């Protein structure tokens, strides 16, 4: 993003009223050094995925954060 990074953007979103303050936000990053997941979680993200994306991990995160009423029934 040209002007803000993800952490700054999440900080702005978390200060918004109503549903935006609690909307689930997942960090997607190639930066996987030790402590990065914790840093993202401490800065308002709800979850973390590292690149390259593993489909099983992506499915787990989606299952966790998509509300039940928004999921397709099989």
PDB file of N, CA and C in Angstrom:
ATOM      1  N   UNK A   1       0.852  -1.157   0.000  1.00  0.00           N
ATOM      2  CA  UNK A   1       0.000   0.000   0.000  1.00  0.00           C
ATOM      3  C   UNK A   1       0.906   1.230   0.000  1.00  0.00           C
ATOM      4  N   UNK A   2       0.598   2.176  -0.809  1.00  0.00           N
ATOM      5  CA  UNK A   2       1.532   3.289  -1.002  1.00  0.00           C
ATOM      6  C   UNK A   2       1.707   4.234   0.182  1.00  0.00           C
ATOM      7  N   UNK A   3       0.679   4.434   1.004  1.00  0.00           N
ATOM      8  CA  UNK A   3       0.793   5.447   2.047  1.00  0.00           C
ATOM      9  C   UNK A   3       0.762   4.893   3.466  1.00  0.00           C
ATOM     10  N   UNK A   4       0.118   3.762   3.670  1.00  0.00           N
ATOM     11  CA  UNK A   4       0.008   3.159   4.999  1.00  0.00           C
ATOM     12  C   UNK A   4       0.379   1.687   4.920  1.00  0.00           C
ATOM     13  N   UNK A   5       0.922   1.160   6.009  1.00  0.00           N
ATOM     14  CA  UNK A   5       1.128  -0.286   6.031  1.00  0.00           C
ATOM     15  C   UNK A   5      -0.092  -0.934   6.688  1.00  0.00           C
ATOM     16  N   UNK A   6      -0.108  -2.257   6.738  1.00  0.00           N
ATOM     17  CA  UNK A   6      -1.255  -2.977   7.273  1.00  0.00           C
ATOM     18  C   UNK A   6      -1.547  -2.663   8.725  1.00  0.00           C
ATOM     19  N   UNK A   7      -0.518  -2.542   9.528  1.00  0.00           N
ATOM     20  CA  UNK A   7      -0.699  -2.250  10.952  1.00  0.00           C
ATOM     21  C   UNK A   7      -1.344  -0.870  11.135  1.00  0.00           C
ATOM     22  N   UNK A   8      -0.883   0.109  10.385  1.00  0.00           N
ATOM     23  CA  UNK A   8      -1.470   1.451  10.471  1.00  0.00           C
ATOM     24  C   UNK A   8      -2.929   1.429  10.008  1.00  0.00           C
ATOM     25  N   UNK A   9      -3.196   0.689   8.939  1.00  0.00           N
ATOM     26  CA  UNK A   9      -4.551   0.598   8.401  1.00  0.00           C
ATOM     27  C   UNK A   9      -5.497  -0.047   9.406  1.00  0.00           C
ATOM     28  N   UNK A  10      -5.062  -1.137  10.035  1.00  0.00           N
ATOM     29  CA  UNK A  10      -5.899  -1.802  11.036  1.00  0.00           C
ATOM     30  C   UNK A  10      -6.154  -0.865  12.215  1.00  0.00           C
ATOM     31  N   UNK A  11      -5.167  -0.095  12.614  1.00  0.00           N
ATOM     32  CA  UNK A  11      -5.364   0.873  13.690  1.00  0.00           C
ATOM     33  C   UNK A  11      -6.461   1.863  13.373  1.00  0.00           C
ATOM     34  N   UNK A  12      -6.509   2.330  12.147  1.00  0.00           N
ATOM     35  CA  UNK A  12      -7.558   3.260  11.713  1.00  0.00           C
ATOM     36  C   UNK A  12      -8.918   2.561  11.710  1.00  0.00           C
ATOM     37  N   UNK A  13      -8.955   1.343  11.166  1.00  0.00           N
ATOM     38  CA  UNK A  13     -10.221   0.595  11.112  1.00  0.00           C
ATOM     39  C   UNK A  13     -10.761   0.337  12.514  1.00  0.00           C
ATOM     40  N   UNK A  14      -9.898  -0.025  13.439  1.00  0.00           N
ATOM     41  CA  UNK A  14     -10.333  -0.345  14.807  1.00  0.00           C
ATOM     42  C   UNK A  14     -10.887   0.884  15.535  1.00  0.00           C
ATOM     43  N   UNK A  15     -10.562   2.079  15.076  1.00  0.00           N
ATOM     44  CA  UNK A  15     -11.094   3.301  15.682  1.00  0.00           C
ATOM     45  C   UNK A  15     -12.435   3.719  15.075  1.00  0.00           C
ATOM     46  N   UNK A  16     -12.856   3.039  14.013  1.00  0.00           N
ATOM     47  CA  UNK A  16     -14.131   3.353  13.368  1.00  0.00           C
ATOM     48  C   UNK A  16     -15.288   2.854  14.236  1.00  0.00           C
ATOM     49  N   UNK A  17     -16.444   3.483  14.090  1.00  0.00           N
ATOM     50  CA  UNK A  17     -17.592   3.071  14.899  1.00  0.00           C
ATOM     51  C   UNK A  17     -18.246   1.780  14.398  1.00  0.00           C
ATOM     52  N   UNK A  18     -19.059   1.229  15.275  1.00  0.00           N
ATOM     53  CA  UNK A  18     -19.942   0.117  14.964  1.00  0.00           C
ATOM     54  C   UNK A  18     -19.202  -1.129  14.489  1.00  0.00           C
ATOM     55  N   UNK A  19     -19.692  -1.730  13.406  1.00  0.00           N
ATOM     56  CA  UNK A  19     -19.185  -3.032  12.981  1.00  0.00           C
ATOM     57  C   UNK A  19     -17.725  -3.004  12.536  1.00  0.00           C
ATOM     58  N   UNK A  20     -17.210  -1.885  12.107  1.00  0.00           N
ATOM     59  CA  UNK A  20     -15.833  -1.833  11.630  1.00  0.00           C
ATOM     60  C   UNK A  20     -14.821  -2.025  12.750  1.00  0.00           C
ATOM     61  N   UNK A  21     -15.190  -1.627  13.938  1.00  0.00           N
ATOM     62  CA  UNK A  21     -14.281  -1.766  15.067  1.00  0.00           C
ATOM     63  C   UNK A  21     -14.045  -3.224  15.421  1.00  0.00           C
ATOM     64  N   UNK A  22     -14.991  -4.095  15.063  1.00  0.00           N
ATOM     65  CA  UNK A  22     -14.854  -5.508  15.427  1.00  0.00           C
ATOM     66  C   UNK A  22     -14.804  -6.460  14.232  1.00  0.00           C
ATOM     67  N   UNK A  23     -14.737  -5.923  13.029  1.00  0.00           N
ATOM     68  CA  UNK A  23     -14.693  -6.775  11.838  1.00  0.00           C
ATOM     69  C   UNK A  23     -13.416  -7.629  11.864  1.00  0.00           C
ATOM     70  N   UNK A  24     -13.509  -8.917  11.538  1.00  0.00           N
ATOM     71  CA  UNK A  24     -12.313  -9.760  11.532  1.00  0.00           C
ATOM     72  C   UNK A  24     -11.319  -9.326  10.446  1.00  0.00           C
ATOM     73  N   UNK A  25     -10.063  -9.203  10.830  1.00  0.00           N
ATOM     74  CA  UNK A  25      -9.001  -8.844   9.896  1.00  0.00           C
ATOM     75  C   UNK A  25      -7.867  -9.853  10.058  1.00  0.00           C
ATOM     76  N   UNK A  26      -7.476 -10.455   8.940  1.00  0.00           N
ATOM     77  CA  UNK A  26      -6.416 -11.461   8.942  1.00  0.00           C
ATOM     78  C   UNK A  26      -5.185 -10.888   8.244  1.00  0.00           C
ATOM     79  N   UNK A  27      -4.054 -10.965   8.920  1.00  0.00           N
ATOM     80  CA  UNK A  27      -2.789 -10.531   8.318  1.00  0.00           C
ATOM     81  C   UNK A  27      -2.340 -11.594   7.326  1.00  0.00           C
ATOM     82  N   UNK A  28      -1.958 -11.170   6.141  1.00  0.00           N
ATOM     83  CA  UNK A  28      -1.399 -12.061   5.121  1.00  0.00           C
ATOM     84  C   UNK A  28      -0.046 -11.481   4.743  1.00  0.00           C
ATOM     85  N   UNK A  29       1.022 -12.186   5.085  1.00  0.00           N
ATOM     86  CA  UNK A  29       2.343 -11.611   4.907  1.00  0.00           C
ATOM     87  C   UNK A  29       3.390 -12.664   4.590  1.00  0.00           C
ATOM     88  N   UNK A  30       4.443 -12.237   3.926  1.00  0.00           N
ATOM     89  CA  UNK A  30       5.608 -13.092   3.695  1.00  0.00           C
ATOM     90  C   UNK A  30       6.626 -12.920   4.815  1.00  0.00           C
ATOM     91  N   UNK A  31       6.367 -11.975   5.702  1.00  0.00           N
ATOM     92  CA  UNK A  31       7.270 -11.706   6.823  1.00  0.00           C
ATOM     93  C   UNK A  31       6.966 -12.699   7.945  1.00  0.00           C
ATOM     94  N   UNK A  32       7.759 -13.764   8.022  1.00  0.00           N
ATOM     95  CA  UNK A  32       7.465 -14.845   8.962  1.00  0.00           C
ATOM     96  C   UNK A  32       8.551 -15.016  10.026  1.00  0.00           C
ATOM     97  N   UNK A  33       9.283 -13.954  10.301  1.00  0.00           N
ATOM     98  CA  UNK A  33      10.298 -14.090  11.346  1.00  0.00           C
ATOM     99  C   UNK A  33       9.615 -14.291  12.703  1.00  0.00           C
ATOM    100  N   UNK A  34      10.341 -14.846  13.633  1.00  0.00           N
ATOM    101  CA  UNK A  34       9.801 -15.148  14.953  1.00  0.00           C
ATOM    102  C   UNK A  34       9.211 -13.887  15.586  1.00  0.00           C
ATOM    103  N   UNK A  35       8.017 -14.029  16.106  1.00  0.00           N
ATOM    104  CA  UNK A  35       7.365 -12.923  16.789  1.00  0.00           C
ATOM    105  C   UNK A  35       6.433 -12.101  15.932  1.00  0.00           C
ATOM    106  N   UNK A  36       6.408 -12.321  14.621  1.00  0.00           N
ATOM    107  CA  UNK A  36       5.556 -11.504  13.754  1.00  0.00           C
ATOM    108  C   UNK A  36       4.077 -11.767  14.003  1.00  0.00           C
ATOM    109  N   UNK A  37       3.703 -13.038  14.174  1.00  0.00           N
ATOM    110  CA  UNK A  37       2.297 -13.343  14.420  1.00  0.00           C
ATOM    111  C   UNK A  37       1.821 -12.611  15.672  1.00  0.00           C
ATOM    112  N   UNK A  38       2.593 -12.689  16.729  1.00  0.00           N
ATOM    113  CA  UNK A  38       2.234 -12.025  17.973  1.00  0.00           C
ATOM    114  C   UNK A  38       2.133 -10.514  17.793  1.00  0.00           C
ATOM    115  N   UNK A  39       3.046  -9.939  17.011  1.00  0.00           N
ATOM    116  CA  UNK A  39       3.027  -8.502  16.758  1.00  0.00           C
ATOM    117  C   UNK A  39       1.732  -8.103  16.048  1.00  0.00           C
ATOM    118  N   UNK A  40       1.343  -8.876  15.030  1.00  0.00           N
ATOM    119  CA  UNK A  40       0.105  -8.566  14.314  1.00  0.00           C
ATOM    120  C   UNK A  40      -1.103  -8.690  15.235  1.00  0.00           C
ATOM    121  N   UNK A  41      -1.158  -9.738  16.024  1.00  0.00           N
ATOM    122  CA  UNK A  41      -2.288  -9.939  16.932  1.00  0.00           C
ATOM    123  C   UNK A  41      -2.366  -8.831  17.977  1.00  0.00           C
ATOM    124  N   UNK A  42      -1.227  -8.365  18.452  1.00  0.00           N
ATOM    125  CA  UNK A  42      -1.204  -7.273  19.436  1.00  0.00           C
ATOM    126  C   UNK A  42      -1.610  -5.933  18.830  1.00  0.00           C
ATOM    127  N   UNK A  43      -1.568  -5.850  17.504  1.00  0.00           N
ATOM    128  CA  UNK A  43      -1.897  -4.596  16.824  1.00  0.00           C
ATOM    129  C   UNK A  43      -3.264  -4.617  16.151  1.00  0.00           C
ATOM    130  N   UNK A  44      -4.157  -5.466  16.640  1.00  0.00           N
ATOM    131  CA  UNK A  44      -5.545  -5.403  16.187  1.00  0.00           C
ATOM    132  C   UNK A  44      -5.982  -6.414  15.154  1.00  0.00           C
ATOM    133  N   UNK A  45      -5.057  -7.208  14.636  1.00  0.00           N
ATOM    134  CA  UNK A  45      -5.453  -8.262  13.709  1.00  0.00           C
ATOM    135  C   UNK A  45      -6.078  -9.400  14.505  1.00  0.00           C
ATOM    136  N   UNK A  46      -6.983 -10.135  13.868  1.00  0.00           N
ATOM    137  CA  UNK A  46      -7.614 -11.267  14.531  1.00  0.00           C
ATOM    138  C   UNK A  46      -6.883 -12.578  14.288  1.00  0.00           C
ATOM    139  N   UNK A  47      -6.180 -12.646  13.180  1.00  0.00           N
ATOM    140  CA  UNK A  47      -5.486 -13.892  12.839  1.00  0.00           C
ATOM    141  C   UNK A  47      -4.350 -13.572  11.881  1.00  0.00           C
ATOM    142  N   UNK A  48      -3.634 -14.610  11.490  1.00  0.00           N
ATOM    143  CA  UNK A  48      -2.388 -14.440  10.735  1.00  0.00           C
ATOM    144  C   UNK A  48      -2.217 -15.612   9.776  1.00  0.00           C
ATOM    145  N   UNK A  49      -1.871 -15.319   8.538  1.00  0.00           N
ATOM    146  CA  UNK A  49      -1.494 -16.326   7.548  1.00  0.00           C
ATOM    147  C   UNK A  49      -0.186 -15.897   6.913  1.00  0.00           C
ATOM    148  N   UNK A  50       0.711 -16.861   6.766  1.00  0.00           N
ATOM    149  CA  UNK A  50       1.979 -16.546   6.110  1.00  0.00           C
ATOM    150  C   UNK A  50       1.974 -17.061   4.674  1.00  0.00           C
ATOM    151  N   UNK A  51       2.745 -16.400   3.834  1.00  0.00           N
ATOM    152  CA  UNK A  51       2.928 -16.824   2.452  1.00  0.00           C
ATOM    153  C   UNK A  51       4.139 -17.745   2.385  1.00  0.00           C
ATOM    154  N   UNK A  52       4.169 -18.700   1.515  1.00  0.00           N
ATOM    155  CA  UNK A  52       3.075 -19.079   0.615  1.00  0.00           C
ATOM    156  C   UNK A  52       1.923 -19.684   1.406  1.00  0.00           C
ATOM    157  N   UNK A  53       0.729 -19.450   0.919  1.00  0.00           N
ATOM    158  CA  UNK A  53      -0.470 -19.891   1.624  1.00  0.00           C
ATOM    159  C   UNK A  53      -0.637 -21.397   1.495  1.00  0.00           C
ATOM    160  N   UNK A  54      -0.870 -22.039   2.633  1.00  0.00           N
ATOM    161  CA  UNK A  54      -1.221 -23.456   2.646  1.00  0.00           C
ATOM    162  C   UNK A  54      -2.742 -23.537   2.705  1.00  0.00           C
ATOM    163  N   UNK A  55      -3.329 -24.269   1.774  1.00  0.00           N
ATOM    164  CA  UNK A  55      -4.782 -24.318   1.648  1.00  0.00           C
ATOM    165  C   UNK A  55      -5.454 -24.780   2.937  1.00  0.00           C
ATOM    166  N   UNK A  56      -4.871 -25.738   3.633  1.00  0.00           N
ATOM    167  CA  UNK A  56      -5.486 -26.215   4.872  1.00  0.00           C
ATOM    168  C   UNK A  56      -5.530 -25.111   5.932  1.00  0.00           C
ATOM    169  N   UNK A  57      -4.474 -24.313   5.994  1.00  0.00           N
ATOM    170  CA  UNK A  57      -4.457 -23.197   6.953  1.00  0.00           C
ATOM    171  C   UNK A  57      -5.450 -22.110   6.545  1.00  0.00           C
ATOM    172  N   UNK A  58      -5.531 -21.827   5.258  1.00  0.00           N
ATOM    173  CA  UNK A  58      -6.499 -20.845   4.762  1.00  0.00           C
ATOM    174  C   UNK A  58      -7.919 -21.301   5.095  1.00  0.00           C
ATOM    175  N   UNK A  59      -8.220 -22.563   4.841  1.00  0.00           N
ATOM    176  CA  UNK A  59      -9.556 -23.083   5.141  1.00  0.00           C
ATOM    177  C   UNK A  59      -9.866 -22.977   6.632  1.00  0.00           C
ATOM    178  N   UNK A  60      -8.888 -23.242   7.472  1.00  0.00           N
ATOM    179  CA  UNK A  60      -9.084 -23.160   8.922  1.00  0.00           C
ATOM    180  C   UNK A  60      -9.400 -21.720   9.339  1.00  0.00           C
ATOM    181  N   UNK A  61      -8.655 -20.769   8.803  1.00  0.00           N
ATOM    182  CA  UNK A  61      -8.875 -19.353   9.141  1.00  0.00           C
ATOM    183  C   UNK A  61     -10.248 -18.903   8.645  1.00  0.00           C
ATOM    184  N   UNK A  62     -10.605 -19.283   7.428  1.00  0.00           N
ATOM    185  CA  UNK A  62     -11.917 -18.902   6.903  1.00  0.00           C
ATOM    186  C   UNK A  62     -13.037 -19.506   7.744  1.00  0.00           C
ATOM    187  N   UNK A  63     -12.890 -20.765   8.125  1.00  0.00           N
ATOM    188  CA  UNK A  63     -13.902 -21.417   8.958  1.00  0.00           C
ATOM    189  C   UNK A  63     -14.036 -20.718  10.304  1.00  0.00           C
ATOM    190  N   UNK A  64     -12.940 -20.213  10.812  1.00  0.00           N
ATOM    191  CA  UNK A  64     -12.942 -19.531  12.109  1.00  0.00           C
ATOM    192  C   UNK A  64     -13.656 -18.180  12.054  1.00  0.00           C
ATOM    193  N   UNK A  65     -13.458 -17.421  10.982  1.00  0.00           N
ATOM    194  CA  UNK A  65     -13.887 -16.027  10.985  1.00  0.00           C
ATOM    195  C   UNK A  65     -15.118 -15.718  10.142  1.00  0.00           C
ATOM    196  N   UNK A  66     -15.514 -16.611   9.244  1.00  0.00           N
ATOM    197  CA  UNK A  66     -16.741 -16.352   8.483  1.00  0.00           C
ATOM    198  C   UNK A  66     -17.929 -16.755   9.358  1.00  0.00           C
ATOM    199  N   UNK A  67     -18.861 -15.852   9.581  1.00  0.00           N
ATOM    200  CA  UNK A  67     -20.015 -16.195  10.422  1.00  0.00           C
ATOM    201  C   UNK A  67     -20.808 -17.364   9.841  1.00  0.00           C
ATOM    202  N   UNK A  68     -21.377 -18.159  10.709  1.00  0.00           N
ATOM    203  CA  UNK A  68     -22.133 -19.352  10.290  1.00  0.00           C
ATOM    204  C   UNK A  68     -23.232 -19.031   9.294  1.00  0.00           C
ATOM    205  N   UNK A  69     -23.925 -17.921   9.500  1.00  0.00           N
ATOM    206  CA  UNK A  69     -25.025 -17.569   8.612  1.00  0.00           C
ATOM    207  C   UNK A  69     -24.561 -17.118   7.221  1.00  0.00           C
ATOM    208  N   UNK A  70     -23.266 -16.909   7.045  1.00  0.00           N
ATOM    209  CA  UNK A  70     -22.718 -16.496   5.758  1.00  0.00           C
ATOM    210  C   UNK A  70     -22.092 -17.672   4.995  1.00  0.00           C
ATOM    211  N   UNK A  71     -21.995 -18.822   5.642  1.00  0.00           N
ATOM    212  CA  UNK A  71     -21.382 -19.997   5.011  1.00  0.00           C
ATOM    213  C   UNK A  71     -22.411 -20.744   4.196  1.00  0.00           C
ATOM    214  N   UNK A  72     -21.958 -21.304   3.063  1.00  0.00           N
ATOM    215  CA  UNK A  72     -22.839 -22.136   2.244  1.00  0.00           C
ATOM    216  C   UNK A  72     -23.086 -23.448   2.960  1.00  0.00           C
ATOM    217  N   UNK A  73     -24.318 -23.889   2.931  1.00  0.00           N
ATOM    218  CA  UNK A  73     -24.665 -25.179   3.534  1.00  0.00           C
ATOM    219  C   UNK A  73     -24.449 -26.262   2.484  1.00  0.00           C
ATOM    220  N   UNK A  74     -23.817 -27.359   2.895  1.00  0.00           N
ATOM    221  CA  UNK A  74     -23.594 -28.471   1.953  1.00  0.00           C
ATOM    222  C   UNK A  74     -24.688 -29.497   2.061  1.00  0.00           C
TER     223      UNK A  74
END
